[in-house]
């Protein structure tokens, strides 16, 4: 009997958008290179395919275990041999013309997940079918206790980019014709 070990992947590698909750700034990582974001920027968030779950840093990269759905959380995994506990987290895909295209953003810090929960509540309140929110993001976060939280708000809605639902080689770039993000 063969083992079920084949990974099904579309081969797409996404740049990672990162927020440093200890210092309050944004940066992104692509092919091992990190670039700090020094100007405010806009991005279109793929809230329809948002994932929540558990994450932890394993010493090399951040592992993520998705919930079965937004309404039903996965059982919390046990801490590994390193004693590192899994934390509640979210993972969302976004697009930003300013930052170079499609990216993924994953975070587990309480200040960041709290700010994202507020952003998601605003999204749910004003959700429009077939549309994705354009989010204006400040380059620097705001101090909240000993840490920082992102400063962001929904400033508009655009037709959901094809890149959010198609294979990368089939997608037409939505950012070419859209100045909103």
C-alpha atoms as a PDB file:
ATOM      1  CA  UNK A   1       0.000   0.000   0.000  1.00  0.00           C
ATOM      2  CA  UNK A   2       1.579   3.337  -1.034  1.00  0.00           C
ATOM      3  CA  UNK A   3       1.936   6.128   1.483  1.00  0.00           C
ATOM      4  CA  UNK A   4      -0.038   9.305   0.873  1.00  0.00           C
ATOM      5  CA  UNK A   5       3.008  11.597   0.830  1.00  0.00           C
ATOM      6  CA  UNK A   6       2.731  13.362  -2.514  1.00  0.00           C
ATOM      7  CA  UNK A   7       2.416  17.102  -2.017  1.00  0.00           C
ATOM      8  CA  UNK A   8      -0.102  18.763  -4.267  1.00  0.00           C
ATOM      9  CA  UNK A   9       1.200  22.223  -5.044  1.00  0.00           C
ATOM     10  CA  UNK A  10       0.469  24.755  -7.741  1.00  0.00           C
ATOM     11  CA  UNK A  11       4.164  25.644  -7.642  1.00  0.00           C
ATOM     12  CA  UNK A  12       3.409  29.224  -6.670  1.00  0.00           C
ATOM     13  CA  UNK A  13       5.776  30.867  -4.215  1.00  0.00           C
ATOM     14  CA  UNK A  14       4.407  34.025  -2.648  1.00  0.00           C
ATOM     15  CA  UNK A  15       6.388  36.879  -1.188  1.00  0.00           C
ATOM     16  CA  UNK A  16       5.806  37.135   2.558  1.00  0.00           C
ATOM     17  CA  UNK A  17       4.490  40.411   3.964  1.00  0.00           C
ATOM     18  CA  UNK A  18       5.626  40.810   7.575  1.00  0.00           C
ATOM     19  CA  UNK A  19       4.749  43.166  10.421  1.00  0.00           C
ATOM     20  CA  UNK A  20       7.283  43.500  13.239  1.00  0.00           C
ATOM     21  CA  UNK A  21       5.048  43.748  16.325  1.00  0.00           C
ATOM     22  CA  UNK A  22       8.033  44.503  18.575  1.00  0.00           C
ATOM     23  CA  UNK A  23       9.233  47.487  16.544  1.00  0.00           C
ATOM     24  CA  UNK A  24       6.103  48.576  14.654  1.00  0.00           C
ATOM     25  CA  UNK A  25       7.181  48.430  11.020  1.00  0.00           C
ATOM     26  CA  UNK A  26       6.312  46.493   7.858  1.00  0.00           C
ATOM     27  CA  UNK A  27       8.703  44.616   5.599  1.00  0.00           C
ATOM     28  CA  UNK A  28       8.524  41.875   3.020  1.00  0.00           C
ATOM     29  CA  UNK A  29      10.683  38.875   2.296  1.00  0.00           C
ATOM     30  CA  UNK A  30      11.284  37.415  -1.146  1.00  0.00           C
ATOM     31  CA  UNK A  31      13.991  34.867  -1.995  1.00  0.00           C
ATOM     32  CA  UNK A  32      15.677  35.467   1.362  1.00  0.00           C
ATOM     33  CA  UNK A  33      15.940  39.235   0.847  1.00  0.00           C
ATOM     34  CA  UNK A  34      14.096  41.483   3.305  1.00  0.00           C
ATOM     35  CA  UNK A  35      12.926  44.963   2.343  1.00  0.00           C
ATOM     36  CA  UNK A  36      11.591  47.458   4.872  1.00  0.00           C
ATOM     37  CA  UNK A  37       8.501  49.386   3.787  1.00  0.00           C
ATOM     38  CA  UNK A  38       9.001  53.079   4.530  1.00  0.00           C
ATOM     39  CA  UNK A  39       5.903  54.571   2.864  1.00  0.00           C
ATOM     40  CA  UNK A  40       2.194  54.009   3.468  1.00  0.00           C
ATOM     41  CA  UNK A  41       0.748  51.581   0.925  1.00  0.00           C
ATOM     42  CA  UNK A  42      -2.502  50.041  -0.282  1.00  0.00           C
ATOM     43  CA  UNK A  43      -3.342  46.402  -0.820  1.00  0.00           C
ATOM     44  CA  UNK A  44      -6.347  44.399  -1.939  1.00  0.00           C
ATOM     45  CA  UNK A  45      -7.072  41.673   0.637  1.00  0.00           C
ATOM     46  CA  UNK A  46      -8.521  38.273  -0.321  1.00  0.00           C
ATOM     47  CA  UNK A  47     -10.888  38.061   2.644  1.00  0.00           C
ATOM     48  CA  UNK A  48     -13.051  35.426   0.920  1.00  0.00           C
ATOM     49  CA  UNK A  49     -10.190  32.925   1.251  1.00  0.00           C
ATOM     50  CA  UNK A  50      -8.864  34.023   4.629  1.00  0.00           C
ATOM     51  CA  UNK A  51      -7.629  31.184   6.827  1.00  0.00           C
ATOM     52  CA  UNK A  52      -7.464  31.031  10.601  1.00  0.00           C
ATOM     53  CA  UNK A  53      -5.630  28.370  12.550  1.00  0.00           C
ATOM     54  CA  UNK A  54      -2.540  27.750  14.650  1.00  0.00           C
ATOM     55  CA  UNK A  55       1.047  28.741  13.945  1.00  0.00           C
ATOM     56  CA  UNK A  56       4.459  28.435  15.530  1.00  0.00           C
ATOM     57  CA  UNK A  57       8.030  29.128  14.556  1.00  0.00           C
ATOM     58  CA  UNK A  58       9.977  25.869  14.370  1.00  0.00           C
ATOM     59  CA  UNK A  59      13.455  27.404  14.242  1.00  0.00           C
ATOM     60  CA  UNK A  60      13.532  27.610  10.443  1.00  0.00           C
ATOM     61  CA  UNK A  61      10.109  28.813   9.314  1.00  0.00           C
ATOM     62  CA  UNK A  62       6.570  29.434  10.560  1.00  0.00           C
ATOM     63  CA  UNK A  63       4.337  26.372  10.483  1.00  0.00           C
ATOM     64  CA  UNK A  64       0.598  26.884   9.984  1.00  0.00           C
ATOM     65  CA  UNK A  65      -2.278  24.469  10.599  1.00  0.00           C
ATOM     66  CA  UNK A  66      -5.537  25.808   9.157  1.00  0.00           C
ATOM     67  CA  UNK A  67      -8.919  25.502  10.833  1.00  0.00           C
ATOM     68  CA  UNK A  68     -11.510  23.421   8.927  1.00  0.00           C
ATOM     69  CA  UNK A  69     -13.485  26.677   8.499  1.00  0.00           C
ATOM     70  CA  UNK A  70     -13.679  30.182   9.970  1.00  0.00           C
ATOM     71  CA  UNK A  71     -16.542  29.000  12.175  1.00  0.00           C
ATOM     72  CA  UNK A  72     -14.876  25.801  13.417  1.00  0.00           C
ATOM     73  CA  UNK A  73     -11.401  25.958  14.969  1.00  0.00           C
ATOM     74  CA  UNK A  74      -8.995  23.053  14.693  1.00  0.00           C
ATOM     75  CA  UNK A  75      -7.972  21.359  17.941  1.00  0.00           C
ATOM     76  CA  UNK A  76      -4.881  23.004  19.412  1.00  0.00           C
ATOM     77  CA  UNK A  77      -1.762  21.008  18.542  1.00  0.00           C
ATOM     78  CA  UNK A  78       0.489  19.939  21.384  1.00  0.00           C
ATOM     79  CA  UNK A  79       3.719  21.839  21.937  1.00  0.00           C
ATOM     80  CA  UNK A  80       6.688  20.252  20.220  1.00  0.00           C
ATOM     81  CA  UNK A  81       9.879  18.941  21.769  1.00  0.00           C
ATOM     82  CA  UNK A  82      11.163  22.522  21.814  1.00  0.00           C
ATOM     83  CA  UNK A  83       8.318  23.475  24.190  1.00  0.00           C
ATOM     84  CA  UNK A  84       7.116  26.157  21.778  1.00  0.00           C
ATOM     85  CA  UNK A  85       3.331  26.530  22.034  1.00  0.00           C
ATOM     86  CA  UNK A  86       1.082  26.896  18.999  1.00  0.00           C
ATOM     87  CA  UNK A  87      -0.709  30.265  18.853  1.00  0.00           C
ATOM     88  CA  UNK A  88      -3.927  31.337  17.164  1.00  0.00           C
ATOM     89  CA  UNK A  89      -3.133  32.978  13.833  1.00  0.00           C
ATOM     90  CA  UNK A  90      -4.566  34.143  10.529  1.00  0.00           C
ATOM     91  CA  UNK A  91      -3.270  33.873   6.980  1.00  0.00           C
ATOM     92  CA  UNK A  92      -4.480  36.041   4.105  1.00  0.00           C
ATOM     93  CA  UNK A  93      -3.408  36.602   0.507  1.00  0.00           C
ATOM     94  CA  UNK A  94      -3.216  40.162  -0.764  1.00  0.00           C
ATOM     95  CA  UNK A  95      -2.155  42.126  -3.810  1.00  0.00           C
ATOM     96  CA  UNK A  96      -0.289  45.407  -3.871  1.00  0.00           C
ATOM     97  CA  UNK A  97       0.928  47.179  -6.983  1.00  0.00           C
ATOM     98  CA  UNK A  98       3.283  49.249  -4.811  1.00  0.00           C
ATOM     99  CA  UNK A  99       4.922  46.154  -3.307  1.00  0.00           C
ATOM    100  CA  UNK A 100       5.118  44.142  -6.512  1.00  0.00           C
ATOM    101  CA  UNK A 101       2.049  41.907  -6.680  1.00  0.00           C
ATOM    102  CA  UNK A 102       0.589  38.935  -4.851  1.00  0.00           C
ATOM    103  CA  UNK A 103       1.781  38.212  -1.289  1.00  0.00           C
ATOM    104  CA  UNK A 104       0.820  36.263   1.790  1.00  0.00           C
ATOM    105  CA  UNK A 105       0.478  37.701   5.294  1.00  0.00           C
ATOM    106  CA  UNK A 106       0.419  35.421   8.349  1.00  0.00           C
ATOM    107  CA  UNK A 107       0.551  36.564  11.973  1.00  0.00           C
ATOM    108  CA  UNK A 108      -0.060  35.333  15.510  1.00  0.00           C
ATOM    109  CA  UNK A 109       0.889  38.281  17.781  1.00  0.00           C
ATOM    110  CA  UNK A 110      -2.096  39.395  19.870  1.00  0.00           C
ATOM    111  CA  UNK A 111      -1.800  43.065  18.909  1.00  0.00           C
ATOM    112  CA  UNK A 112      -1.812  42.107  15.231  1.00  0.00           C
ATOM    113  CA  UNK A 113      -4.586  39.492  15.438  1.00  0.00           C
ATOM    114  CA  UNK A 114      -6.684  41.961  17.445  1.00  0.00           C
ATOM    115  CA  UNK A 115      -6.195  44.671  14.808  1.00  0.00           C
ATOM    116  CA  UNK A 116      -6.974  42.161  12.044  1.00  0.00           C
ATOM    117  CA  UNK A 117     -10.138  41.065  13.840  1.00  0.00           C
ATOM    118  CA  UNK A 118     -11.292  44.711  13.803  1.00  0.00           C
ATOM    119  CA  UNK A 119     -10.441  45.018  10.091  1.00  0.00           C
ATOM    120  CA  UNK A 120     -12.347  41.803   9.357  1.00  0.00           C
ATOM    121  CA  UNK A 121     -15.380  43.097  11.296  1.00  0.00           C
ATOM    122  CA  UNK A 122     -15.354  46.222   9.102  1.00  0.00           C
ATOM    123  CA  UNK A 123     -15.122  43.951   6.040  1.00  0.00           C
ATOM    124  CA  UNK A 124     -18.110  41.858   7.161  1.00  0.00           C
ATOM    125  CA  UNK A 125     -20.172  44.966   7.910  1.00  0.00           C
ATOM    126  CA  UNK A 126     -19.679  46.416   4.402  1.00  0.00           C
ATOM    127  CA  UNK A 127     -19.023  43.234   2.370  1.00  0.00           C
ATOM    128  CA  UNK A 128     -19.964  43.444  -1.301  1.00  0.00           C
ATOM    129  CA  UNK A 129     -20.442  40.333  -3.482  1.00  0.00           C
ATOM    130  CA  UNK A 130     -17.716  39.873  -6.079  1.00  0.00           C
ATOM    131  CA  UNK A 131     -15.651  42.658  -4.529  1.00  0.00           C
ATOM    132  CA  UNK A 132     -12.537  42.690  -2.383  1.00  0.00           C
ATOM    133  CA  UNK A 133     -11.553  45.424   0.055  1.00  0.00           C
ATOM    134  CA  UNK A 134      -8.748  47.852  -0.677  1.00  0.00           C
ATOM    135  CA  UNK A 135      -6.902  48.470   2.572  1.00  0.00           C
ATOM    136  CA  UNK A 136      -4.762  51.529   3.241  1.00  0.00           C
ATOM    137  CA  UNK A 137      -1.859  50.565   5.495  1.00  0.00           C
ATOM    138  CA  UNK A 138       0.369  52.967   7.415  1.00  0.00           C
ATOM    139  CA  UNK A 139       4.090  52.197   7.137  1.00  0.00           C
ATOM    140  CA  UNK A 140       4.478  52.457  10.913  1.00  0.00           C
ATOM    141  CA  UNK A 141       2.251  50.800  13.486  1.00  0.00           C
ATOM    142  CA  UNK A 142       0.905  52.403  16.649  1.00  0.00           C
ATOM    143  CA  UNK A 143       2.139  51.604  20.147  1.00  0.00           C
ATOM    144  CA  UNK A 144      -0.190  49.378  22.163  1.00  0.00           C
ATOM    145  CA  UNK A 145       1.260  48.441  25.539  1.00  0.00           C
ATOM    146  CA  UNK A 146       4.791  47.132  25.047  1.00  0.00           C
ATOM    147  CA  UNK A 147       4.197  46.253  21.395  1.00  0.00           C
ATOM    148  CA  UNK A 148       2.788  47.713  18.180  1.00  0.00           C
ATOM    149  CA  UNK A 149      -0.291  47.071  16.101  1.00  0.00           C
ATOM    150  CA  UNK A 150      -0.862  47.762  12.413  1.00  0.00           C
ATOM    151  CA  UNK A 151      -2.723  50.910  11.420  1.00  0.00           C
ATOM    152  CA  UNK A 152      -5.023  50.084   8.516  1.00  0.00           C
ATOM    153  CA  UNK A 153      -8.510  50.733   7.201  1.00  0.00           C
ATOM    154  CA  UNK A 154     -10.706  49.761   4.288  1.00  0.00           C
ATOM    155  CA  UNK A 155     -10.812  52.674   1.838  1.00  0.00           C
ATOM    156  CA  UNK A 156     -12.613  51.102  -1.113  1.00  0.00           C
ATOM    157  CA  UNK A 157     -13.775  48.011  -2.980  1.00  0.00           C
ATOM    158  CA  UNK A 158     -12.637  46.538  -6.307  1.00  0.00           C
ATOM    159  CA  UNK A 159     -13.672  43.569  -8.401  1.00  0.00           C
ATOM    160  CA  UNK A 160     -11.957  40.542  -6.890  1.00  0.00           C
ATOM    161  CA  UNK A 161      -8.677  40.078  -8.795  1.00  0.00           C
ATOM    162  CA  UNK A 162      -8.472  36.928 -10.920  1.00  0.00           C
ATOM    163  CA  UNK A 163      -5.167  36.102  -9.228  1.00  0.00           C
ATOM    164  CA  UNK A 164      -7.118  35.247  -6.075  1.00  0.00           C
ATOM    165  CA  UNK A 165      -8.953  32.369  -7.747  1.00  0.00           C
ATOM    166  CA  UNK A 166      -6.874  31.085 -10.671  1.00  0.00           C
ATOM    167  CA  UNK A 167      -3.591  29.318 -11.208  1.00  0.00           C
ATOM    168  CA  UNK A 168      -0.746  31.855 -11.492  1.00  0.00           C
ATOM    169  CA  UNK A 169       0.039  31.099 -15.141  1.00  0.00           C
ATOM    170  CA  UNK A 170      -3.629  31.615 -16.143  1.00  0.00           C
ATOM    171  CA  UNK A 171      -4.267  34.865 -14.282  1.00  0.00           C
ATOM    172  CA  UNK A 172      -4.423  38.252 -15.923  1.00  0.00           C
ATOM    173  CA  UNK A 173      -2.868  40.909 -13.752  1.00  0.00           C
ATOM    174  CA  UNK A 174      -5.574  42.935 -12.058  1.00  0.00           C
ATOM    175  CA  UNK A 175      -3.007  45.452 -10.849  1.00  0.00           C
ATOM    176  CA  UNK A 176      -2.210  46.624 -14.397  1.00  0.00           C
ATOM    177  CA  UNK A 177      -5.603  48.293 -14.782  1.00  0.00           C
ATOM    178  CA  UNK A 178      -6.376  49.252 -11.212  1.00  0.00           C
ATOM    179  CA  UNK A 179      -4.879  52.292  -9.526  1.00  0.00           C
ATOM    180  CA  UNK A 180      -6.733  51.638  -6.250  1.00  0.00           C
ATOM    181  CA  UNK A 181      -4.086  49.264  -4.931  1.00  0.00           C
END
